[in-house]
Amino acid sequence: MTSPFPSSDVIIKTGKTYAVDLAERVLWTGAVAVGGVLVASGPADMLHGSFWEKVGTAGLIAAGTLVKGLVARLVGDRNSASTARGV
């Protein structure tokens, strides 16, 4: 009779994959956010700007995340937005 539950190997691999993916997402999000804020606060001083300038800052950060996801196809697995292999 086959057990309906996954084996311990699958659970450990899934947990490890999740931990790697989560750590990578947190680090990349922080790096892209810092980069976006530095660009926005530099020449245009958007941190003291209007609502729409602040929305533009968020757009810069989102664009950075999009570029990271596109580059990840070249670095990591082709069908994943992660730069880590096997995620």
C-alpha atoms as a PDB file:
ATOM      1  CA  MET A   1       0.000   0.000   0.000  1.00  0.00           C
ATOM      2  CA  THR A   2       1.332   3.407  -0.947  1.00  0.00           C
ATOM      3  CA  SER A   3       1.377   6.167   1.631  1.00  0.00           C
ATOM      4  CA  PRO A   4      -0.530   9.354   0.717  1.00  0.00           C
ATOM      5  CA  PHE A   5       2.107  11.419   2.533  1.00  0.00           C
ATOM      6  CA  PRO A   6       5.358  12.652   0.955  1.00  0.00           C
ATOM      7  CA  SER A   7       8.621  11.072   2.056  1.00  0.00           C
ATOM      8  CA  SER A   8      10.931  12.890   4.453  1.00  0.00           C
ATOM      9  CA  ASP A   9      13.374  13.506   1.573  1.00  0.00           C
ATOM     10  CA  VAL A  10      10.719  15.439  -0.329  1.00  0.00           C
ATOM     11  CA  ILE A  11       9.787  17.479   2.741  1.00  0.00           C
ATOM     12  CA  ILE A  12      13.422  18.389   3.458  1.00  0.00           C
ATOM     13  CA  LYS A  13      14.108  19.280  -0.182  1.00  0.00           C
ATOM     14  CA  THR A  14      10.952  21.383  -0.349  1.00  0.00           C
ATOM     15  CA  GLY A  15      11.851  23.161   2.899  1.00  0.00           C
ATOM     16  CA  LYS A  16      15.397  23.815   1.716  1.00  0.00           C
ATOM     17  CA  THR A  17      14.178  25.082  -1.662  1.00  0.00           C
ATOM     18  CA  TYR A  18      11.689  27.371   0.062  1.00  0.00           C
ATOM     19  CA  ALA A  19      14.350  28.732   2.428  1.00  0.00           C
ATOM     20  CA  VAL A  20      16.778  29.446  -0.438  1.00  0.00           C
ATOM     21  CA  ASP A  21      14.048  31.096  -2.515  1.00  0.00           C
ATOM     22  CA  LEU A  22      12.824  33.210   0.412  1.00  0.00           C
ATOM     23  CA  ALA A  23      16.338  34.343   1.374  1.00  0.00           C
ATOM     24  CA  GLU A  24      17.106  35.296  -2.214  1.00  0.00           C
ATOM     25  CA  ARG A  25      13.871  37.244  -2.599  1.00  0.00           C
ATOM     26  CA  VAL A  26      14.467  39.185   0.626  1.00  0.00           C
ATOM     27  CA  LEU A  27      18.053  40.064  -0.321  1.00  0.00           C
ATOM     28  CA  TRP A  28      17.214  41.091  -3.896  1.00  0.00           C
ATOM     29  CA  THR A  29      14.183  43.114  -2.777  1.00  0.00           C
ATOM     30  CA  GLY A  30      16.325  44.995  -0.270  1.00  0.00           C
ATOM     31  CA  ALA A  31      19.071  45.642  -2.827  1.00  0.00           C
ATOM     32  CA  VAL A  32      16.655  46.865  -5.501  1.00  0.00           C
ATOM     33  CA  ALA A  33      14.757  49.040  -3.017  1.00  0.00           C
ATOM     34  CA  VAL A  34      17.961  50.664  -1.766  1.00  0.00           C
ATOM     35  CA  GLY A  35      19.076  51.252  -5.361  1.00  0.00           C
ATOM     36  CA  GLY A  36      15.736  52.815  -6.288  1.00  0.00           C
ATOM     37  CA  VAL A  37      15.727  55.097  -3.275  1.00  0.00           C
ATOM     38  CA  LEU A  38      19.327  56.167  -3.951  1.00  0.00           C
ATOM     39  CA  VAL A  39      18.478  57.019  -7.554  1.00  0.00           C
ATOM     40  CA  ALA A  40      15.321  58.843  -6.502  1.00  0.00           C
ATOM     41  CA  SER A  41      16.943  60.806  -3.675  1.00  0.00           C
ATOM     42  CA  GLY A  42      19.977  61.828  -5.722  1.00  0.00           C
ATOM     43  CA  PRO A  43      19.598  64.316  -8.547  1.00  0.00           C
ATOM     44  CA  ALA A  44      15.837  64.846  -8.340  1.00  0.00           C
ATOM     45  CA  ASP A  45      15.476  64.783  -4.526  1.00  0.00           C
ATOM     46  CA  MET A  46      12.249  62.826  -4.894  1.00  0.00           C
ATOM     47  CA  LEU A  47      12.125  61.977  -1.206  1.00  0.00           C
ATOM     48  CA  HIS A  48      10.735  65.456  -0.582  1.00  0.00           C
ATOM     49  CA  GLY A  49       8.611  65.374  -3.714  1.00  0.00           C
ATOM     50  CA  SER A  50       4.967  65.148  -4.582  1.00  0.00           C
ATOM     51  CA  PHE A  51       2.790  62.083  -4.442  1.00  0.00           C
ATOM     52  CA  TRP A  52       3.430  61.314  -8.125  1.00  0.00           C
ATOM     53  CA  GLU A  53       7.195  61.635  -7.718  1.00  0.00           C
ATOM     54  CA  LYS A  54       6.998  59.100  -4.903  1.00  0.00           C
ATOM     55  CA  VAL A  55       4.916  56.826  -7.117  1.00  0.00           C
ATOM     56  CA  GLY A  56       7.701  57.207  -9.688  1.00  0.00           C
ATOM     57  CA  THR A  57      10.196  56.028  -7.059  1.00  0.00           C
ATOM     58  CA  ALA A  58       8.103  52.911  -6.500  1.00  0.00           C
ATOM     59  CA  GLY A  59       8.019  52.439 -10.274  1.00  0.00           C
ATOM     60  CA  LEU A  60      11.828  52.554 -10.398  1.00  0.00           C
ATOM     61  CA  ILE A  61      11.982  49.853  -7.744  1.00  0.00           C
ATOM     62  CA  ALA A  62       9.412  47.713  -9.579  1.00  0.00           C
ATOM     63  CA  ALA A  63      11.355  48.115 -12.841  1.00  0.00           C
ATOM     64  CA  GLY A  64      14.522  46.980 -11.061  1.00  0.00           C
ATOM     65  CA  THR A  65      12.713  43.888  -9.825  1.00  0.00           C
ATOM     66  CA  LEU A  66      11.467  43.169 -13.350  1.00  0.00           C
ATOM     67  CA  VAL A  67      15.008  43.427 -14.745  1.00  0.00           C
ATOM     68  CA  LYS A  68      16.259  41.089 -12.001  1.00  0.00           C
ATOM     69  CA  GLY A  69      13.604  38.534 -12.934  1.00  0.00           C
ATOM     70  CA  LEU A  70      14.532  38.713 -16.614  1.00  0.00           C
ATOM     71  CA  VAL A  71      18.255  38.365 -15.862  1.00  0.00           C
ATOM     72  CA  ALA A  72      17.473  35.378 -13.626  1.00  0.00           C
ATOM     73  CA  ARG A  73      16.423  33.398 -16.714  1.00  0.00           C
ATOM     74  CA  LEU A  74      20.016  33.687 -17.912  1.00  0.00           C
ATOM     75  CA  VAL A  75      21.611  32.888 -14.558  1.00  0.00           C
ATOM     76  CA  GLY A  76      19.282  30.451 -12.783  1.00  0.00           C
ATOM     77  CA  ASP A  77      16.795  27.879 -14.039  1.00  0.00           C
ATOM     78  CA  ARG A  78      15.097  28.943 -17.258  1.00  0.00           C
ATOM     79  CA  ASN A  79      11.551  28.550 -15.878  1.00  0.00           C
ATOM     80  CA  SER A  80      12.145  30.412 -12.617  1.00  0.00           C
ATOM     81  CA  ALA A  81      12.553  34.055 -11.673  1.00  0.00           C
ATOM     82  CA  SER A  82      15.140  32.989  -9.095  1.00  0.00           C
ATOM     83  CA  THR A  83      18.875  33.368  -9.641  1.00  0.00           C
ATOM     84  CA  ALA A  84      19.473  30.352  -7.394  1.00  0.00           C
ATOM     85  CA  ARG A  85      19.798  27.033  -9.193  1.00  0.00           C
ATOM     86  CA  GLY A  86      17.149  24.433  -8.448  1.00  0.00           C
ATOM     87  CA  VAL A  87      14.513  26.875  -7.232  1.00  0.00           C
END
